[in-house]
Amino acid sequence: MYDSNTVENAVSFFIKNKDADFIYGNIEVFNPADNFSYIERYPHKITKWLFITKTIAQPGTFFKVDCFKKCGYFDINYRFAADHDWYLKAIFLKKLKAAHIEDCVSVFRLGGLSNNHRYTRAYFSERKAIEKKYFN
């Protein structure tokens, strides 16, 4: 879910940060089971360690169309971690430039496939294969 000003703010950020291929911001993580939320903050600098310990939240990311021309689309062979694969390819292989928005840009609601405990093993198995592909 996006705030009513999110897209406008993202466009303004791109205008001010012309070198950025994509931008990412912090997100609010909401758990409807207990009506609890918290802010997931991301660092201004992207490192390999960030992607080994977690990833950038796709709902908090905005891409220029050229990103997909340079990197292709998400690999749908990955059922749980296609965005993780794409980020690693974009950042570490294709050298796309990212810029961080300090604001909270979206609300991510827990409860979908990607955070279902039944699929945790499959998710981490995909991540391990992806990280091995890019980081050896």
Protein backbone atom coordinates (compact mmCIF):
# COMPACT_ATOMS: atom_id res chain seq x y z
CA MET A 1 0.00 0.00 0.00
CA TYR A 2 1.32 3.44 -0.90
CA ASP A 3 0.67 6.83 0.65
CA SER A 4 -1.10 9.24 -1.70
CA ASN A 5 2.14 11.22 -2.24
CA THR A 6 4.50 8.28 -2.73
CA VAL A 7 4.66 8.21 -6.53
CA GLU A 8 4.98 11.99 -6.74
CA ASN A 9 7.79 11.91 -4.17
CA ALA A 10 9.56 9.10 -6.05
CA VAL A 11 9.42 11.06 -9.33
CA SER A 12 10.78 14.16 -7.55
CA PHE A 13 13.57 12.07 -6.04
CA PHE A 14 14.50 10.72 -9.50
CA ILE A 15 14.59 14.28 -10.87
CA LYS A 16 16.99 15.33 -8.10
CA ASN A 17 19.08 12.13 -8.37
CA LYS A 18 19.51 11.76 -12.12
CA ASP A 19 22.31 9.18 -11.78
CA ALA A 20 20.05 6.73 -9.93
CA ASP A 21 18.79 3.82 -11.99
CA PHE A 22 16.43 2.83 -9.20
CA ILE A 23 15.50 4.11 -5.79
CA TYR A 24 14.54 2.29 -2.61
CA GLY A 25 13.06 3.45 0.64
CA ASN A 26 12.17 2.24 4.08
CA ILE A 27 8.92 0.34 4.54
CA GLU A 28 6.37 -0.18 7.26
CA VAL A 29 5.83 -3.88 7.94
CA PHE A 30 2.30 -4.57 9.17
CA ASN A 31 1.17 -7.83 10.76
CA PRO A 32 -2.64 -8.08 10.61
CA ALA A 33 -2.64 -11.06 12.99
CA ASP A 34 -1.76 -8.84 15.93
CA ASN A 35 -2.31 -5.38 14.41
CA PHE A 36 1.39 -4.56 15.00
CA SER A 37 3.71 -2.69 12.67
CA TYR A 38 7.30 -1.51 12.62
CA ILE A 39 9.54 0.43 10.25
CA GLU A 40 12.13 -1.60 8.35
CA ARG A 41 15.01 0.76 7.64
CA TYR A 42 17.57 0.20 4.91
CA PRO A 43 21.10 1.58 4.69
CA HIS A 44 22.09 4.33 2.29
CA LYS A 45 24.88 2.19 0.89
CA ILE A 46 24.21 -1.20 -0.66
CA THR A 47 26.72 -3.92 0.21
CA LYS A 48 26.96 -7.66 -0.30
CA TRP A 49 26.39 -8.04 3.44
CA LEU A 50 22.96 -6.40 3.09
CA PHE A 51 21.94 -9.07 0.60
CA ILE A 52 23.42 -11.91 2.62
CA THR A 53 21.52 -10.88 5.76
CA LYS A 54 18.30 -9.65 4.12
CA THR A 55 17.27 -7.88 0.92
CA ILE A 56 15.71 -4.63 -0.23
CA ALA A 57 11.93 -4.68 0.00
CA GLN A 58 10.54 -4.72 -3.51
CA PRO A 59 7.37 -2.78 -2.53
CA GLY A 60 9.65 0.06 -1.46
CA THR A 61 11.54 0.21 -4.76
CA PHE A 62 10.96 2.24 -7.91
CA PHE A 63 12.75 1.47 -11.17
CA LYS A 64 13.45 3.39 -14.34
CA VAL A 65 12.28 1.39 -17.35
CA ASP A 66 15.89 1.20 -18.58
CA CYS A 67 16.69 -1.06 -15.62
CA PHE A 68 14.69 -3.86 -17.20
CA LYS A 69 16.19 -3.22 -20.62
CA LYS A 70 19.66 -3.60 -19.08
CA CYS A 71 18.92 -6.51 -16.73
CA GLY A 72 15.90 -8.31 -18.11
CA TYR A 73 12.88 -9.20 -16.05
CA PHE A 74 12.52 -11.27 -12.90
CA ASP A 75 13.48 -14.92 -13.39
CA ILE A 76 10.20 -16.74 -12.73
CA ASN A 77 12.10 -19.98 -12.19
CA TYR A 78 12.57 -18.61 -8.69
CA ARG A 79 9.24 -18.97 -6.97
CA PHE A 80 10.14 -17.12 -3.76
CA ALA A 81 13.25 -15.03 -4.38
CA ALA A 82 13.04 -13.72 -7.95
CA ASP A 83 13.38 -10.13 -6.74
CA HIS A 84 16.49 -11.06 -4.73
CA ASP A 85 18.04 -12.56 -7.86
CA TRP A 86 17.17 -9.50 -9.93
CA TYR A 87 18.66 -7.09 -7.38
CA LEU A 88 21.94 -9.01 -7.25
CA LYS A 89 22.14 -9.11 -11.05
CA ALA A 90 21.28 -5.41 -11.34
CA ILE A 91 23.62 -4.16 -8.62
CA PHE A 92 26.60 -6.49 -8.68
CA LEU A 93 26.65 -7.72 -12.27
CA LYS A 94 25.16 -4.87 -14.31
CA LYS A 95 26.36 -2.16 -11.88
CA LEU A 96 23.09 -0.24 -11.76
CA LYS A 97 23.12 2.69 -9.36
CA ALA A 98 20.64 2.83 -6.51
CA ALA A 99 19.71 5.74 -4.28
CA HIS A 100 18.05 5.53 -0.88
CA ILE A 101 14.97 7.50 0.18
CA GLU A 102 14.97 7.98 3.93
CA ASP A 103 11.18 8.13 4.07
CA CYS A 104 8.85 5.21 4.57
CA VAL A 105 7.51 4.65 1.05
CA SER A 106 5.11 1.74 1.45
CA VAL A 107 3.29 -0.51 3.86
CA PHE A 108 4.04 -4.21 3.45
CA ARG A 109 1.35 -6.49 4.87
CA LEU A 110 2.57 -9.82 6.25
CA GLY A 111 0.61 -12.93 5.38
CA GLY A 112 1.50 -13.69 1.78
CA LEU A 113 3.44 -16.55 0.22
CA SER A 114 6.87 -14.99 0.74
CA ASN A 115 6.56 -14.96 4.52
CA ASN A 116 4.58 -18.16 5.04
CA HIS A 117 6.48 -20.46 7.41
CA ARG A 118 5.62 -23.50 5.29
CA TYR A 119 7.89 -22.16 2.56
CA THR A 120 10.81 -20.90 4.66
CA ARG A 121 13.11 -23.77 3.67
CA ALA A 122 12.33 -23.35 -0.04
CA TYR A 123 12.85 -19.58 0.18
CA PHE A 124 16.27 -19.90 1.85
CA SER A 125 17.27 -22.66 -0.55
CA GLU A 126 16.57 -20.32 -3.47
CA ARG A 127 18.45 -17.49 -1.79
CA LYS A 128 21.46 -19.71 -1.17
CA ALA A 129 21.57 -20.76 -4.83
CA ILE A 130 21.19 -17.16 -5.99
CA GLU A 131 23.91 -15.85 -3.68
CA LYS A 132 26.26 -18.63 -4.77
CA LYS A 133 25.64 -17.63 -8.39
CA TYR A 134 26.64 -14.00 -7.78
CA PHE A 135 29.02 -14.18 -4.84
CA ASN A 136 30.64 -17.59 -5.40
